[in-house]
Amino acid sequence: MASSDGLQSSPIPLGDRVLHYVKYTPLDPSLYALSPSEAAFFKAVTGIDDDAGLKAHILMVQEKAYKVAPYPCIYAFSFLRMVVTRNTAYEDILKIGREQKDAIFLDMGCCFSVDSRKAAADGFPACNIVASDLKQEFLELSHALFNTSKDTYPGHFVAGDIFDPAVLSVKPPNRAVPSSPRPDLSALTSLNPLRGHCSVINASAFFHLFTEEKQLHVARALAGLLSSEPGSLICGTHVGAQEPGMLADKGGKFELFCHSPKSWEAMWDGVFTMGEAKVEASLNKIEFMNQELQALTWSVTRL
């Protein structure tokens, strides 16, 4: 089914909810804004030096992406925010990329892959980066945003549903060097061959899309991918709360299950056995689409 302007109104899955493009808020270019560091980054990676040209380019890619998936993060330009750089684990991520040969960085729920592209720009070898999201179109959208192609950017992409065991099955955390060899990242069609081989897993604006039960499932699935080498880490930022529970948006369109720092730490303590990992989590206030929220920033580091 299509709307009067020809846009498809097929359902778009977003975590545990379904969105329909024709029912969604029209794009608002006035929401576009870049901090000085964001502007410098996007100018450097796109090769577009002037502010007006960069804005036009980003608006064009945003419009394309919104037709594929009308996610709130695309509407509000939060996909531009390089969220991973605000995590205290970011310098550890870059150190892993510099010092550990063939260390793999998995960017989970990547959208345009801005976090992993930023890490690549800051020195993490792009050939060792795997980005993953539900839709294959996000690979092409990432290339469009960054003015790259598969020939000019050596990172990799795996499309699929994290709850599909063929894409990612749940296995216990690794407690030894994996018996399987490091996979050929260019040949990946699922995330399962990465089991025990990921030195860094980033999951920004991802966990809050799911129910409490499914968040635990995702945690267990990602823990099975993480290397047992001390210092290997999983990190991210998503909507949290002072006390765990449901949070509704102002428009009443959907609810999120939000962890508190304490409940988040307790969840991961149930994923790893005592002494296997260190969990750190903190809250800070943010504003998103005219609503004040709490961002839960966290990391889980193997000991």
C-alpha atoms as a PDB file:
ATOM      1  CA  MET A   1       0.000   0.000   0.000  1.00  0.00           C
ATOM      2  CA  ALA A   2       1.254   3.510  -0.805  1.00  0.00           C
ATOM      3  CA  SER A   3       0.339   7.011   0.319  1.00  0.00           C
ATOM      4  CA  SER A   4      -0.832   9.755  -2.023  1.00  0.00           C
ATOM      5  CA  ASP A   5       2.777  10.830  -2.628  1.00  0.00           C
ATOM      6  CA  GLY A   6       3.816   7.315  -3.565  1.00  0.00           C
ATOM      7  CA  LEU A   7       5.600   6.433  -0.330  1.00  0.00           C
ATOM      8  CA  GLN A   8       5.137   2.920   0.922  1.00  0.00           C
ATOM      9  CA  SER A   9       3.093   2.476   4.077  1.00  0.00           C
ATOM     10  CA  SER A  10       4.342  -1.024   4.839  1.00  0.00           C
ATOM     11  CA  PRO A  11       5.088  -1.646   8.512  1.00  0.00           C
ATOM     12  CA  ILE A  12       8.609  -0.829   9.708  1.00  0.00           C
ATOM     13  CA  PRO A  13       9.816  -2.854  12.732  1.00  0.00           C
ATOM     14  CA  LEU A  14      11.605  -0.872  15.420  1.00  0.00           C
ATOM     15  CA  GLY A  15      12.453  -3.112  18.338  1.00  0.00           C
ATOM     16  CA  ASP A  16       9.168  -4.330  19.795  1.00  0.00           C
ATOM     17  CA  ARG A  17       7.091  -1.720  17.945  1.00  0.00           C
ATOM     18  CA  VAL A  18       5.917  -1.214  14.376  1.00  0.00           C
ATOM     19  CA  LEU A  19       6.023   2.142  12.610  1.00  0.00           C
ATOM     20  CA  HIS A  20       4.203   3.218   9.431  1.00  0.00           C
ATOM     21  CA  TYR A  21       5.791   5.913   7.279  1.00  0.00           C
ATOM     22  CA  VAL A  22       2.539   7.614   6.232  1.00  0.00           C
ATOM     23  CA  LYS A  23       1.456   7.927   9.842  1.00  0.00           C
ATOM     24  CA  TYR A  24       4.754   9.394  10.964  1.00  0.00           C
ATOM     25  CA  THR A  25       5.801  13.002  11.534  1.00  0.00           C
ATOM     26  CA  PRO A  26       7.059  14.803   8.413  1.00  0.00           C
ATOM     27  CA  LEU A  27      10.730  15.707   8.492  1.00  0.00           C
ATOM     28  CA  ASP A  28      11.661  19.069   9.995  1.00  0.00           C
ATOM     29  CA  PRO A  29      14.933  20.503   8.593  1.00  0.00           C
ATOM     30  CA  SER A  30      15.003  23.130  11.354  1.00  0.00           C
ATOM     31  CA  LEU A  31      16.058  20.392  13.774  1.00  0.00           C
ATOM     32  CA  TYR A  32      19.376  20.033  11.958  1.00  0.00           C
ATOM     33  CA  ALA A  33      22.344  21.123  14.065  1.00  0.00           C
ATOM     34  CA  LEU A  34      25.961  20.063  14.390  1.00  0.00           C
ATOM     35  CA  SER A  35      28.403  20.810  17.172  1.00  0.00           C
ATOM     36  CA  PRO A  36      31.831  22.106  16.083  1.00  0.00           C
ATOM     37  CA  SER A  37      33.365  18.642  16.575  1.00  0.00           C
ATOM     38  CA  GLU A  38      30.554  16.949  14.646  1.00  0.00           C
ATOM     39  CA  ALA A  39      30.843  19.455  11.803  1.00  0.00           C
ATOM     40  CA  ALA A  40      34.610  18.949  11.628  1.00  0.00           C
ATOM     41  CA  PHE A  41      34.196  15.175  11.525  1.00  0.00           C
ATOM     42  CA  PHE A  42      31.562  15.104   8.806  1.00  0.00           C
ATOM     43  CA  LYS A  43      33.419  17.652   6.692  1.00  0.00           C
ATOM     44  CA  ALA A  44      36.572  15.553   6.945  1.00  0.00           C
ATOM     45  CA  VAL A  45      34.970  12.219   6.103  1.00  0.00           C
ATOM     46  CA  THR A  46      32.593  13.446   3.373  1.00  0.00           C
ATOM     47  CA  GLY A  47      34.986  15.868   1.715  1.00  0.00           C
ATOM     48  CA  ILE A  48      32.327  18.585   1.846  1.00  0.00           C
ATOM     49  CA  ASP A  49      33.997  21.678   3.290  1.00  0.00           C
ATOM     50  CA  ASP A  50      31.215  24.269   3.441  1.00  0.00           C
ATOM     51  CA  ASP A  51      28.410  24.282   5.989  1.00  0.00           C
ATOM     52  CA  ALA A  52      25.588  24.776   3.477  1.00  0.00           C
ATOM     53  CA  GLY A  53      26.792  21.982   1.240  1.00  0.00           C
ATOM     54  CA  LEU A  54      27.197  19.604   4.172  1.00  0.00           C
ATOM     55  CA  LYS A  55      23.702  20.404   5.452  1.00  0.00           C
ATOM     56  CA  ALA A  56      22.177  19.813   2.007  1.00  0.00           C
ATOM     57  CA  HIS A  57      24.011  16.501   1.732  1.00  0.00           C
ATOM     58  CA  ILE A  58      22.891  15.279   5.171  1.00  0.00           C
ATOM     59  CA  LEU A  59      19.279  16.368   4.572  1.00  0.00           C
ATOM     60  CA  MET A  60      19.276  14.462   1.291  1.00  0.00           C
ATOM     61  CA  VAL A  61      20.538  11.271   2.945  1.00  0.00           C
ATOM     62  CA  GLN A  62      18.145  11.735   5.884  1.00  0.00           C
ATOM     63  CA  GLU A  63      15.199  11.916   3.481  1.00  0.00           C
ATOM     64  CA  LYS A  64      16.277   8.697   1.776  1.00  0.00           C
ATOM     65  CA  ALA A  65      16.731   6.952   5.117  1.00  0.00           C
ATOM     66  CA  TYR A  66      13.378   8.097   6.459  1.00  0.00           C
ATOM     67  CA  LYS A  67      11.646   6.384   3.539  1.00  0.00           C
ATOM     68  CA  VAL A  68      13.418   3.152   4.435  1.00  0.00           C
ATOM     69  CA  ALA A  69      12.931   3.388   8.197  1.00  0.00           C
ATOM     70  CA  PRO A  70      11.174   6.369   9.833  1.00  0.00           C
ATOM     71  CA  TYR A  71      13.010   5.977  13.114  1.00  0.00           C
ATOM     72  CA  PRO A  72      12.970   8.768  15.715  1.00  0.00           C
ATOM     73  CA  CYS A  73      16.784   8.913  15.613  1.00  0.00           C
ATOM     74  CA  ILE A  74      16.626   9.713  11.903  1.00  0.00           C
ATOM     75  CA  TYR A  75      13.869  12.300  12.323  1.00  0.00           C
ATOM     76  CA  ALA A  76      15.699  14.113  15.128  1.00  0.00           C
ATOM     77  CA  PHE A  77      19.213  13.868  13.583  1.00  0.00           C
ATOM     78  CA  SER A  78      20.508  12.000  16.607  1.00  0.00           C
ATOM     79  CA  PHE A  79      22.255   9.603  14.213  1.00  0.00           C
ATOM     80  CA  LEU A  80      24.845  12.373  13.772  1.00  0.00           C
ATOM     81  CA  ARG A  81      25.908  12.488  17.416  1.00  0.00           C
ATOM     82  CA  MET A  82      28.967  10.141  17.539  1.00  0.00           C
ATOM     83  CA  VAL A  83      27.590   8.745  20.796  1.00  0.00           C
ATOM     84  CA  VAL A  84      30.452   6.298  21.349  1.00  0.00           C
ATOM     85  CA  THR A  85      32.913   9.170  21.876  1.00  0.00           C
ATOM     86  CA  ARG A  86      31.047  10.180  25.047  1.00  0.00           C
ATOM     87  CA  ASN A  87      31.681   6.811  26.648  1.00  0.00           C
ATOM     88  CA  THR A  88      34.629   6.663  29.042  1.00  0.00           C
ATOM     89  CA  ALA A  89      35.559   3.391  27.316  1.00  0.00           C
ATOM     90  CA  TYR A  90      36.228   5.152  23.998  1.00  0.00           C
ATOM     91  CA  GLU A  91      39.942   5.623  24.581  1.00  0.00           C
ATOM     92  CA  ASP A  92      40.169   1.958  25.542  1.00  0.00           C
ATOM     93  CA  ILE A  93      38.477   1.081  22.239  1.00  0.00           C
ATOM     94  CA  LEU A  94      41.031   3.073  20.256  1.00  0.00           C
ATOM     95  CA  LYS A  95      43.876   1.531  22.257  1.00  0.00           C
ATOM     96  CA  ILE A  96      42.598  -1.959  21.426  1.00  0.00           C
ATOM     97  CA  GLY A  97      42.535  -1.004  17.749  1.00  0.00           C
ATOM     98  CA  ARG A  98      46.102   0.270  17.893  1.00  0.00           C
ATOM     99  CA  GLU A  99      47.679  -2.461  19.986  1.00  0.00           C
ATOM    100  CA  GLN A 100      45.802  -5.706  19.275  1.00  0.00           C
ATOM    101  CA  LYS A 101      46.433  -7.155  15.835  1.00  0.00           C
ATOM    102  CA  ASP A 102      43.213  -8.099  14.045  1.00  0.00           C
ATOM    103  CA  ALA A 103      40.984  -6.941  16.950  1.00  0.00           C
ATOM    104  CA  ILE A 104      37.355  -6.949  15.768  1.00  0.00           C
ATOM    105  CA  PHE A 105      34.952  -4.054  16.451  1.00  0.00           C
ATOM    106  CA  LEU A 106      31.236  -4.958  16.120  1.00  0.00           C
ATOM    107  CA  ASP A 107      28.880  -1.969  15.792  1.00  0.00           C
ATOM    108  CA  MET A 108      25.497  -3.443  16.747  1.00  0.00           C
ATOM    109  CA  GLY A 109      22.283  -1.701  15.698  1.00  0.00           C
ATOM    110  CA  CYS A 110      24.533   0.597  13.714  1.00  0.00           C
ATOM    111  CA  CYS A 111      22.032   2.590  11.593  1.00  0.00           C
ATOM    112  CA  PHE A 112      24.432   4.729   9.481  1.00  0.00           C
ATOM    113  CA  SER A 113      27.464   3.263  11.326  1.00  0.00           C
ATOM    114  CA  VAL A 114      28.469   6.733  12.562  1.00  0.00           C
ATOM    115  CA  ASP A 115      30.043   5.389  15.766  1.00  0.00           C
ATOM    116  CA  SER A 116      32.265   2.861  14.001  1.00  0.00           C
ATOM    117  CA  ARG A 117      33.092   5.331  11.214  1.00  0.00           C
ATOM    118  CA  LYS A 118      34.255   7.771  13.878  1.00  0.00           C
ATOM    119  CA  ALA A 119      36.368   5.044  15.488  1.00  0.00           C
ATOM    120  CA  ALA A 120      37.870   4.270  12.076  1.00  0.00           C
ATOM    121  CA  ALA A 121      38.666   7.956  11.543  1.00  0.00           C
ATOM    122  CA  ASP A 122      40.370   7.965  14.950  1.00  0.00           C
ATOM    123  CA  GLY A 123      42.584   5.004  14.110  1.00  0.00           C
ATOM    124  CA  PHE A 124      40.690   1.732  14.600  1.00  0.00           C
ATOM    125  CA  PRO A 125      41.434  -0.276  11.428  1.00  0.00           C
ATOM    126  CA  ALA A 126      38.290  -0.120   9.278  1.00  0.00           C
ATOM    127  CA  CYS A 127      39.063  -3.541   7.793  1.00  0.00           C
ATOM    128  CA  ASN A 128      38.445  -5.003  11.278  1.00  0.00           C
ATOM    129  CA  ILE A 129      35.061  -3.300  11.770  1.00  0.00           C
ATOM    130  CA  VAL A 130      31.749  -5.107  11.309  1.00  0.00           C
ATOM    131  CA  ALA A 131      28.540  -3.061  11.392  1.00  0.00           C
ATOM    132  CA  SER A 132      25.150  -4.738  11.727  1.00  0.00           C
ATOM    133  CA  ASP A 133      21.529  -3.668  11.537  1.00  0.00           C
ATOM    134  CA  LEU A 134      18.173  -5.105  10.611  1.00  0.00           C
ATOM    135  CA  LYS A 135      18.096  -3.780   7.048  1.00  0.00           C
ATOM    136  CA  GLN A 136      20.620  -4.178   4.240  1.00  0.00           C
ATOM    137  CA  GLU A 137      19.693  -0.674   3.066  1.00  0.00           C
ATOM    138  CA  PHE A 138      21.658   0.817   5.951  1.00  0.00           C
ATOM    139  CA  LEU A 139      24.878  -0.264   4.235  1.00  0.00           C
ATOM    140  CA  GLU A 140      24.021   1.798   1.163  1.00  0.00           C
ATOM    141  CA  LEU A 141      22.798   4.683   3.303  1.00  0.00           C
ATOM    142  CA  SER A 142      26.086   4.673   5.220  1.00  0.00           C
ATOM    143  CA  HIS A 143      28.017   4.847   1.965  1.00  0.00           C
ATOM    144  CA  ALA A 144      25.736   7.681   0.818  1.00  0.00           C
ATOM    145  CA  LEU A 145      26.246   9.649   4.037  1.00  0.00           C
ATOM    146  CA  PHE A 146      30.026   9.261   4.034  1.00  0.00           C
ATOM    147  CA  ASN A 147      30.538   9.516   0.261  1.00  0.00           C
ATOM    148  CA  THR A 148      32.187   6.093   0.160  1.00  0.00           C
ATOM    149  CA  SER A 149      31.678   2.769  -1.572  1.00  0.00           C
ATOM    150  CA  LYS A 150      32.639  -0.826  -0.891  1.00  0.00           C
ATOM    151  CA  ASP A 151      35.796  -0.105  -2.873  1.00  0.00           C
ATOM    152  CA  THR A 152      36.838   2.948  -0.843  1.00  0.00           C
ATOM    153  CA  TYR A 153      35.770   1.890   2.678  1.00  0.00           C
ATOM    154  CA  PRO A 154      36.975  -1.559   3.823  1.00  0.00           C
ATOM    155  CA  GLY A 155      34.533  -2.023   6.709  1.00  0.00           C
ATOM    156  CA  HIS A 156      31.995  -4.851   6.647  1.00  0.00           C
ATOM    157  CA  PHE A 157      28.221  -5.095   7.140  1.00  0.00           C
ATOM    158  CA  VAL A 158      25.882  -7.903   8.206  1.00  0.00           C
ATOM    159  CA  ALA A 159      22.116  -7.427   7.923  1.00  0.00           C
ATOM    160  CA  GLY A 160      19.778  -9.476  10.088  1.00  0.00           C
ATOM    161  CA  ASP A 161      17.502  -9.824  13.088  1.00  0.00           C
ATOM    162  CA  ILE A 162      19.453 -10.338  16.298  1.00  0.00           C
ATOM    163  CA  PHE A 163      16.631 -12.559  17.601  1.00  0.00           C
ATOM    164  CA  ASP A 164      16.997 -14.964  14.673  1.00  0.00           C
ATOM    165  CA  PRO A 165      19.328 -17.790  15.806  1.00  0.00           C
ATOM    166  CA  ALA A 166      20.607 -18.063  12.246  1.00  0.00           C
ATOM    167  CA  VAL A 167      21.917 -14.515  12.651  1.00  0.00           C
ATOM    168  CA  LEU A 168      22.964 -14.706  16.305  1.00  0.00           C
ATOM    169  CA  SER A 169      22.343 -17.576  18.682  1.00  0.00           C
ATOM    170  CA  VAL A 170      22.817 -17.346  22.434  1.00  0.00           C
ATOM    171  CA  LYS A 171      25.896 -19.112  23.789  1.00  0.00           C
ATOM    172  CA  PRO A 172      27.680 -18.800  27.156  1.00  0.00           C
ATOM    173  CA  PRO A 173      30.500 -16.279  27.489  1.00  0.00           C
ATOM    174  CA  ASN A 174      33.847 -17.546  26.253  1.00  0.00           C
ATOM    175  CA  ARG A 175      36.300 -18.605  28.919  1.00  0.00           C
ATOM    176  CA  ALA A 176      39.165 -19.604  26.641  1.00  0.00           C
ATOM    177  CA  VAL A 177      40.602 -18.849  23.224  1.00  0.00           C
ATOM    178  CA  PRO A 178      37.944 -19.950  20.692  1.00  0.00           C
ATOM    179  CA  SER A 179      38.640 -23.193  18.886  1.00  0.00           C
ATOM    180  CA  SER A 180      37.442 -21.738  15.585  1.00  0.00           C
ATOM    181  CA  PRO A 181      39.823 -19.535  13.573  1.00  0.00           C
ATOM    182  CA  ARG A 182      39.192 -15.825  13.160  1.00  0.00           C
ATOM    183  CA  PRO A 183      36.510 -15.594  10.441  1.00  0.00           C
ATOM    184  CA  ASP A 184      36.934 -13.892   7.096  1.00  0.00           C
ATOM    185  CA  LEU A 185      34.974 -10.712   7.799  1.00  0.00           C
ATOM    186  CA  SER A 186      34.287 -10.095   4.130  1.00  0.00           C
ATOM    187  CA  ALA A 187      32.468 -13.440   3.904  1.00  0.00           C
ATOM    188  CA  LEU A 188      30.171 -13.000   6.923  1.00  0.00           C
ATOM    189  CA  THR A 189      26.466 -13.633   6.383  1.00  0.00           C
ATOM    190  CA  SER A 190      25.644 -13.895  10.093  1.00  0.00           C
ATOM    191  CA  LEU A 191      27.218 -12.875  13.382  1.00  0.00           C
ATOM    192  CA  ASN A 192      27.627 -16.407  14.730  1.00  0.00           C
ATOM    193  CA  PRO A 193      31.138 -16.942  13.295  1.00  0.00           C
ATOM    194  CA  LEU A 194      32.280 -13.978  15.434  1.00  0.00           C
ATOM    195  CA  ARG A 195      31.701 -15.972  18.624  1.00  0.00           C
ATOM    196  CA  GLY A 196      34.601 -15.350  20.969  1.00  0.00           C
ATOM    197  CA  HIS A 197      36.419 -13.132  18.467  1.00  0.00           C
ATOM    198  CA  CYS A 198      35.059  -9.613  19.179  1.00  0.00           C
ATOM    199  CA  SER A 199      37.339  -7.331  21.161  1.00  0.00           C
ATOM    200  CA  VAL A 200      34.862  -4.424  21.075  1.00  0.00           C
ATOM    201  CA  ILE A 201      31.072  -4.454  20.775  1.00  0.00           C
ATOM    202  CA  ASN A 202      29.267  -1.119  20.613  1.00  0.00           C
ATOM    203  CA  ALA A 203      25.469  -0.932  20.998  1.00  0.00           C
ATOM    204  CA  SER A 204      24.305   2.698  20.990  1.00  0.00           C
ATOM    205  CA  ALA A 205      20.576   3.520  21.235  1.00  0.00           C
ATOM    206  CA  PHE A 206      19.814  -0.178  20.902  1.00  0.00           C
ATOM    207  CA  PHE A 207      18.844  -2.005  24.089  1.00  0.00           C
ATOM    208  CA  HIS A 208      15.985   0.364  24.986  1.00  0.00           C
ATOM    209  CA  LEU A 209      14.094  -0.763  21.867  1.00  0.00           C
ATOM    210  CA  PHE A 210      13.241  -4.051  23.563  1.00  0.00           C
ATOM    211  CA  THR A 211      11.369  -5.444  26.531  1.00  0.00           C
ATOM    212  CA  GLU A 212      13.202  -6.252  29.741  1.00  0.00           C
ATOM    213  CA  GLU A 213      13.243  -9.934  28.818  1.00  0.00           C
ATOM    214  CA  LYS A 214      14.596  -9.276  25.331  1.00  0.00           C
ATOM    215  CA  GLN A 215      17.267  -6.921  26.668  1.00  0.00           C
ATOM    216  CA  LEU A 216      18.583  -9.825  28.729  1.00  0.00           C
ATOM    217  CA  HIS A 217      18.492 -12.027  25.608  1.00  0.00           C
ATOM    218  CA  VAL A 218      20.543  -9.447  23.674  1.00  0.00           C
ATOM    219  CA  ALA A 219      23.037  -9.155  26.532  1.00  0.00           C
ATOM    220  CA  ARG A 220      23.556 -12.917  26.592  1.00  0.00           C
ATOM    221  CA  ALA A 221      23.880 -13.078  22.809  1.00  0.00           C
ATOM    222  CA  LEU A 222      26.480 -10.301  22.682  1.00  0.00           C
ATOM    223  CA  ALA A 223      28.390 -11.744  25.645  1.00  0.00           C
ATOM    224  CA  GLY A 224      28.871 -14.925  23.616  1.00  0.00           C
ATOM    225  CA  LEU A 225      30.581 -12.931  20.863  1.00  0.00           C
ATOM    226  CA  LEU A 226      33.022 -11.173  23.189  1.00  0.00           C
ATOM    227  CA  SER A 227      36.625 -12.317  23.394  1.00  0.00           C
ATOM    228  CA  SER A 228      37.723 -13.730  26.745  1.00  0.00           C
ATOM    229  CA  GLU A 229      40.898 -11.626  26.585  1.00  0.00           C
ATOM    230  CA  PRO A 230      41.074  -9.164  29.495  1.00  0.00           C
ATOM    231  CA  GLY A 231      40.115  -5.661  28.387  1.00  0.00           C
ATOM    232  CA  SER A 232      37.641  -6.788  25.719  1.00  0.00           C
ATOM    233  CA  LEU A 233      34.487  -4.766  26.178  1.00  0.00           C
ATOM    234  CA  ILE A 234      30.850  -4.167  25.326  1.00  0.00           C
ATOM    235  CA  CYS A 235      29.598  -0.591  25.626  1.00  0.00           C
ATOM    236  CA  GLY A 236      26.731   1.684  24.715  1.00  0.00           C
ATOM    237  CA  THR A 237      24.301   4.428  25.598  1.00  0.00           C
ATOM    238  CA  HIS A 238      20.519   4.269  25.642  1.00  0.00           C
ATOM    239  CA  VAL A 239      17.537   5.630  27.546  1.00  0.00           C
ATOM    240  CA  GLY A 240      17.620   4.784  31.255  1.00  0.00           C
ATOM    241  CA  ALA A 241      15.958   5.865  34.492  1.00  0.00           C
ATOM    242  CA  GLN A 242      16.623   6.365  38.173  1.00  0.00           C
ATOM    243  CA  GLU A 243      14.419   3.345  38.856  1.00  0.00           C
ATOM    244  CA  PRO A 244      13.796   0.491  36.405  1.00  0.00           C
ATOM    245  CA  GLY A 245      10.410   0.457  34.706  1.00  0.00           C
ATOM    246  CA  MET A 246       8.326   1.607  31.757  1.00  0.00           C
ATOM    247  CA  LEU A 247       8.715   5.095  30.324  1.00  0.00           C
ATOM    248  CA  ALA A 248       6.173   6.562  27.880  1.00  0.00           C
ATOM    249  CA  ASP A 249       6.983   9.276  25.384  1.00  0.00           C
ATOM    250  CA  LYS A 250       5.026  12.528  25.645  1.00  0.00           C
ATOM    251  CA  GLY A 251       2.882  11.688  22.648  1.00  0.00           C
ATOM    252  CA  GLY A 252       1.939   8.321  24.093  1.00  0.00           C
ATOM    253  CA  LYS A 253       2.973   6.563  20.879  1.00  0.00           C
ATOM    254  CA  PHE A 254       5.187   3.979  22.545  1.00  0.00           C
ATOM    255  CA  GLU A 255       6.752   2.893  25.820  1.00  0.00           C
ATOM    256  CA  LEU A 256      10.308   1.872  26.618  1.00  0.00           C
ATOM    257  CA  PHE A 257      11.540  -0.392  29.363  1.00  0.00           C
ATOM    258  CA  CYS A 258      14.353   1.525  31.049  1.00  0.00           C
ATOM    259  CA  HIS A 259      17.008   0.111  33.333  1.00  0.00           C
ATOM    260  CA  SER A 260      18.601   2.026  36.169  1.00  0.00           C
ATOM    261  CA  PRO A 261      22.371   1.845  36.623  1.00  0.00           C
ATOM    262  CA  LYS A 262      21.877  -0.620  39.473  1.00  0.00           C
ATOM    263  CA  SER A 263      19.476  -2.916  37.589  1.00  0.00           C
ATOM    264  CA  TRP A 264      21.688  -2.722  34.495  1.00  0.00           C
ATOM    265  CA  GLU A 265      24.707  -3.843  36.472  1.00  0.00           C
ATOM    266  CA  ALA A 266      22.648  -6.631  38.052  1.00  0.00           C
ATOM    267  CA  MET A 267      21.540  -7.842  34.612  1.00  0.00           C
ATOM    268  CA  TRP A 268      25.128  -8.174  33.393  1.00  0.00           C
ATOM    269  CA  ASP A 269      26.215  -9.768  36.663  1.00  0.00           C
ATOM    270  CA  GLY A 270      23.754 -12.515  35.733  1.00  0.00           C
ATOM    271  CA  VAL A 271      25.267 -12.870  32.269  1.00  0.00           C
ATOM    272  CA  PHE A 272      28.881 -13.254  33.408  1.00  0.00           C
ATOM    273  CA  THR A 273      29.975 -15.163  36.482  1.00  0.00           C
ATOM    274  CA  MET A 274      31.493 -13.277  39.392  1.00  0.00           C
ATOM    275  CA  GLY A 275      34.965 -11.981  38.597  1.00  0.00           C
ATOM    276  CA  GLU A 276      34.643 -12.344  34.812  1.00  0.00           C
ATOM    277  CA  ALA A 277      33.655  -8.761  34.002  1.00  0.00           C
ATOM    278  CA  LYS A 278      33.460  -5.258  35.417  1.00  0.00           C
ATOM    279  CA  VAL A 279      30.243  -3.312  34.794  1.00  0.00           C
ATOM    280  CA  GLU A 280      30.092   0.476  34.910  1.00  0.00           C
ATOM    281  CA  ALA A 281      26.937   2.526  34.319  1.00  0.00           C
ATOM    282  CA  SER A 282      25.874   6.107  34.913  1.00  0.00           C
ATOM    283  CA  LEU A 283      23.003   8.466  34.056  1.00  0.00           C
ATOM    284  CA  ASN A 284      23.021  11.955  32.617  1.00  0.00           C
ATOM    285  CA  LYS A 285      20.193  14.191  31.441  1.00  0.00           C
ATOM    286  CA  ILE A 286      19.537  14.664  27.738  1.00  0.00           C
ATOM    287  CA  GLU A 287      16.778  16.245  25.660  1.00  0.00           C
ATOM    288  CA  PHE A 288      15.237  14.314  22.797  1.00  0.00           C
ATOM    289  CA  MET A 289      12.302  15.572  20.733  1.00  0.00           C
ATOM    290  CA  ASN A 290      11.293  18.112  23.395  1.00  0.00           C
ATOM    291  CA  GLN A 291      11.366  15.547  26.183  1.00  0.00           C
ATOM    292  CA  GLU A 292      13.918  15.422  28.992  1.00  0.00           C
ATOM    293  CA  LEU A 293      15.307  11.929  29.350  1.00  0.00           C
ATOM    294  CA  GLN A 294      18.058  10.110  31.209  1.00  0.00           C
ATOM    295  CA  ALA A 295      20.821   8.559  29.117  1.00  0.00           C
ATOM    296  CA  LEU A 296      22.348   5.397  30.559  1.00  0.00           C
ATOM    297  CA  THR A 297      26.001   5.195  29.485  1.00  0.00           C
ATOM    298  CA  TRP A 298      27.735   1.938  30.279  1.00  0.00           C
ATOM    299  CA  SER A 299      30.526  -0.524  29.641  1.00  0.00           C
ATOM    300  CA  VAL A 300      31.147  -4.183  30.435  1.00  0.00           C
ATOM    301  CA  THR A 301      34.847  -5.093  30.438  1.00  0.00           C
ATOM    302  CA  ARG A 302      36.317  -8.591  30.645  1.00  0.00           C
ATOM    303  CA  LEU A 303      38.719  -9.099  33.558  1.00  0.00           C
END
